[in-house]
């Protein structure tokens, strides 16, 4: 049903419409921010998955050469009669072992995952101000 006769609004009705329009604008802004936040979260998750895959490949690719270095150091120590070569083999083995310990990249990335509060990198930052999630 349509009203075809022009009417005027009372001051109270105008005030109510202004309050209602402000609430609608806030709701629309909240929805826009939630959509942006969801998009940013999806992008961040994809970036984290990509980083995890790359670091897994790098970690794997470092293990084989380090194993070779450690075996070479062991072989050099066994075959060398010169004490200087023994010391060099020890240094090589220590360096290889240190690098092998450093090559556990995937465990480091898990420790620095956004959901892990123990990460020394700090919490993830969002370019937008925080938006409260809707209650259900």
Protein backbone atom coordinates (compact mmCIF):
# COMPACT_ATOMS: atom_id res chain seq x y z
CA UNK A 1 0.00 0.00 0.00
CA UNK A 2 1.37 3.39 -1.00
CA UNK A 3 0.60 6.75 0.50
CA UNK A 4 0.01 9.25 -2.29
CA UNK A 5 -0.63 12.23 -0.04
CA UNK A 6 2.46 14.25 0.92
CA UNK A 7 3.09 14.21 4.65
CA UNK A 8 5.48 15.99 6.98
CA UNK A 9 7.59 14.33 9.63
CA UNK A 10 7.55 15.39 13.21
CA UNK A 11 10.80 16.43 14.91
CA UNK A 12 10.81 13.14 16.83
CA UNK A 13 10.40 11.16 13.60
CA UNK A 14 13.26 13.08 11.97
CA UNK A 15 15.49 12.41 14.98
CA UNK A 16 14.58 8.71 14.91
CA UNK A 17 15.38 8.51 11.18
CA UNK A 18 18.75 10.20 11.75
CA UNK A 19 19.60 7.73 14.53
CA UNK A 20 18.46 4.84 12.34
CA UNK A 21 20.50 6.07 9.36
CA UNK A 22 23.61 6.44 11.54
CA UNK A 23 23.17 2.87 12.77
CA UNK A 24 22.72 1.60 9.20
CA UNK A 25 25.90 3.41 8.12
CA UNK A 26 27.84 1.89 11.03
CA UNK A 27 26.53 -1.56 10.15
CA UNK A 28 27.51 -1.14 6.50
CA UNK A 29 30.99 0.03 7.53
CA UNK A 30 31.32 -2.94 9.88
CA UNK A 31 30.35 -5.35 7.10
CA UNK A 32 32.85 -3.71 4.74
CA UNK A 33 35.62 -4.04 7.32
CA UNK A 34 34.71 -7.65 8.08
CA UNK A 35 34.84 -8.48 4.37
CA UNK A 36 38.23 -6.76 4.07
CA UNK A 37 39.48 -8.57 7.15
CA UNK A 38 38.34 -11.93 5.76
CA UNK A 39 40.10 -11.20 2.47
CA UNK A 40 43.31 -10.18 4.25
CA UNK A 41 43.15 -13.30 6.41
CA UNK A 42 42.81 -15.50 3.33
CA UNK A 43 45.78 -13.75 1.70
CA UNK A 44 47.85 -14.15 4.85
CA UNK A 45 47.00 -17.85 5.11
CA UNK A 46 47.99 -18.40 1.48
CA UNK A 47 51.26 -16.51 2.04
CA UNK A 48 51.97 -18.65 5.11
CA UNK A 49 51.27 -21.85 3.17
CA UNK A 50 53.61 -20.70 0.40
CA UNK A 51 56.31 -19.77 2.92
CA UNK A 52 55.95 -23.16 4.61
CA UNK A 53 56.33 -24.98 1.26
CA UNK A 54 59.39 -22.93 0.28
CA UNK A 55 61.05 -23.40 3.65
CA UNK A 56 60.34 -27.13 3.59
CA UNK A 57 62.08 -27.39 0.21
CA UNK A 58 65.02 -25.27 1.38
CA UNK A 59 65.34 -27.28 4.58
CA UNK A 60 65.25 -30.54 2.65
CA UNK A 61 67.77 -29.27 0.09
CA UNK A 62 70.18 -28.27 2.86
CA UNK A 63 70.10 -31.62 4.66
CA UNK A 64 71.76 -33.67 1.92
CA UNK A 65 74.82 -31.44 1.45
CA UNK A 66 75.23 -31.11 5.21
CA UNK A 67 75.18 -34.87 5.56
CA UNK A 68 77.90 -35.06 2.94
CA UNK A 69 79.96 -32.44 4.79
CA UNK A 70 79.62 -34.34 8.06
CA UNK A 71 80.56 -37.65 6.44
CA UNK A 72 83.56 -36.01 4.77
CA UNK A 73 84.70 -34.57 8.10
CA UNK A 74 84.38 -38.01 9.72
CA UNK A 75 86.26 -39.67 6.86
CA UNK A 76 88.96 -36.99 6.97
CA UNK A 77 89.41 -37.51 10.71
CA UNK A 78 89.73 -41.28 10.25
CA UNK A 79 92.20 -41.09 7.37
CA UNK A 80 94.35 -38.15 8.45
CA UNK A 81 97.45 -38.70 10.49
CA UNK A 82 98.31 -35.01 10.78
CA UNK A 83 96.91 -33.40 13.99
CA UNK A 84 96.19 -30.23 12.00
CA UNK A 85 93.90 -32.22 9.70
CA UNK A 86 92.18 -33.72 12.77
CA UNK A 87 91.51 -30.19 14.07
CA UNK A 88 90.27 -29.11 10.64
CA UNK A 89 87.95 -32.13 10.54
CA UNK A 90 86.67 -31.25 14.03
CA UNK A 91 85.99 -27.65 12.97
CA UNK A 92 84.27 -28.88 9.82
CA UNK A 93 82.12 -31.28 11.82
CA UNK A 94 81.19 -28.58 14.37
CA UNK A 95 80.29 -26.17 11.58
CA UNK A 96 78.23 -28.83 9.80
CA UNK A 97 76.47 -29.80 13.01
CA UNK A 98 75.71 -26.16 13.76
CA UNK A 99 74.34 -25.69 10.26
CA UNK A 100 72.29 -28.87 10.54
CA UNK A 101 70.79 -27.55 13.77
CA UNK A 102 70.03 -24.26 11.98
CA UNK A 103 68.45 -26.04 9.05
CA UNK A 104 65.45 -27.13 11.05
CA UNK A 105 63.61 -24.29 9.39
CA UNK A 106 60.18 -25.87 9.47
CA UNK A 107 60.26 -26.12 13.26
CA UNK A 108 61.19 -22.43 13.39
CA UNK A 109 58.32 -21.50 11.11
CA UNK A 110 55.90 -23.45 13.25
CA UNK A 111 57.22 -21.62 16.31
CA UNK A 112 56.60 -18.30 14.55
CA UNK A 113 53.13 -19.13 13.27
CA UNK A 114 50.61 -16.35 13.98
CA UNK A 115 48.63 -18.53 16.36
CA UNK A 116 51.71 -19.19 18.48
CA UNK A 117 52.14 -16.53 21.15
CA UNK A 118 55.73 -17.65 21.90
CA UNK A 119 57.10 -16.29 18.65
CA UNK A 120 59.86 -13.74 19.06
CA UNK A 121 58.69 -12.07 15.86
CA UNK A 122 55.67 -10.63 17.67
CA UNK A 123 52.00 -10.85 16.85
CA UNK A 124 50.82 -10.40 13.27
CA UNK A 125 49.74 -6.88 12.39
CA UNK A 126 46.76 -5.86 10.33
CA UNK A 127 46.71 -2.74 8.16
CA UNK A 128 43.21 -1.97 9.39
CA UNK A 129 42.01 -1.30 12.87
CA UNK A 130 40.71 -4.36 14.73
CA UNK A 131 37.11 -5.23 14.14
CA UNK A 132 35.13 -7.26 16.63
CA UNK A 133 33.75 -10.45 15.21
CA UNK A 134 29.96 -10.70 15.16
CA UNK A 135 28.36 -12.58 17.98
CA UNK A 136 26.14 -15.51 17.23
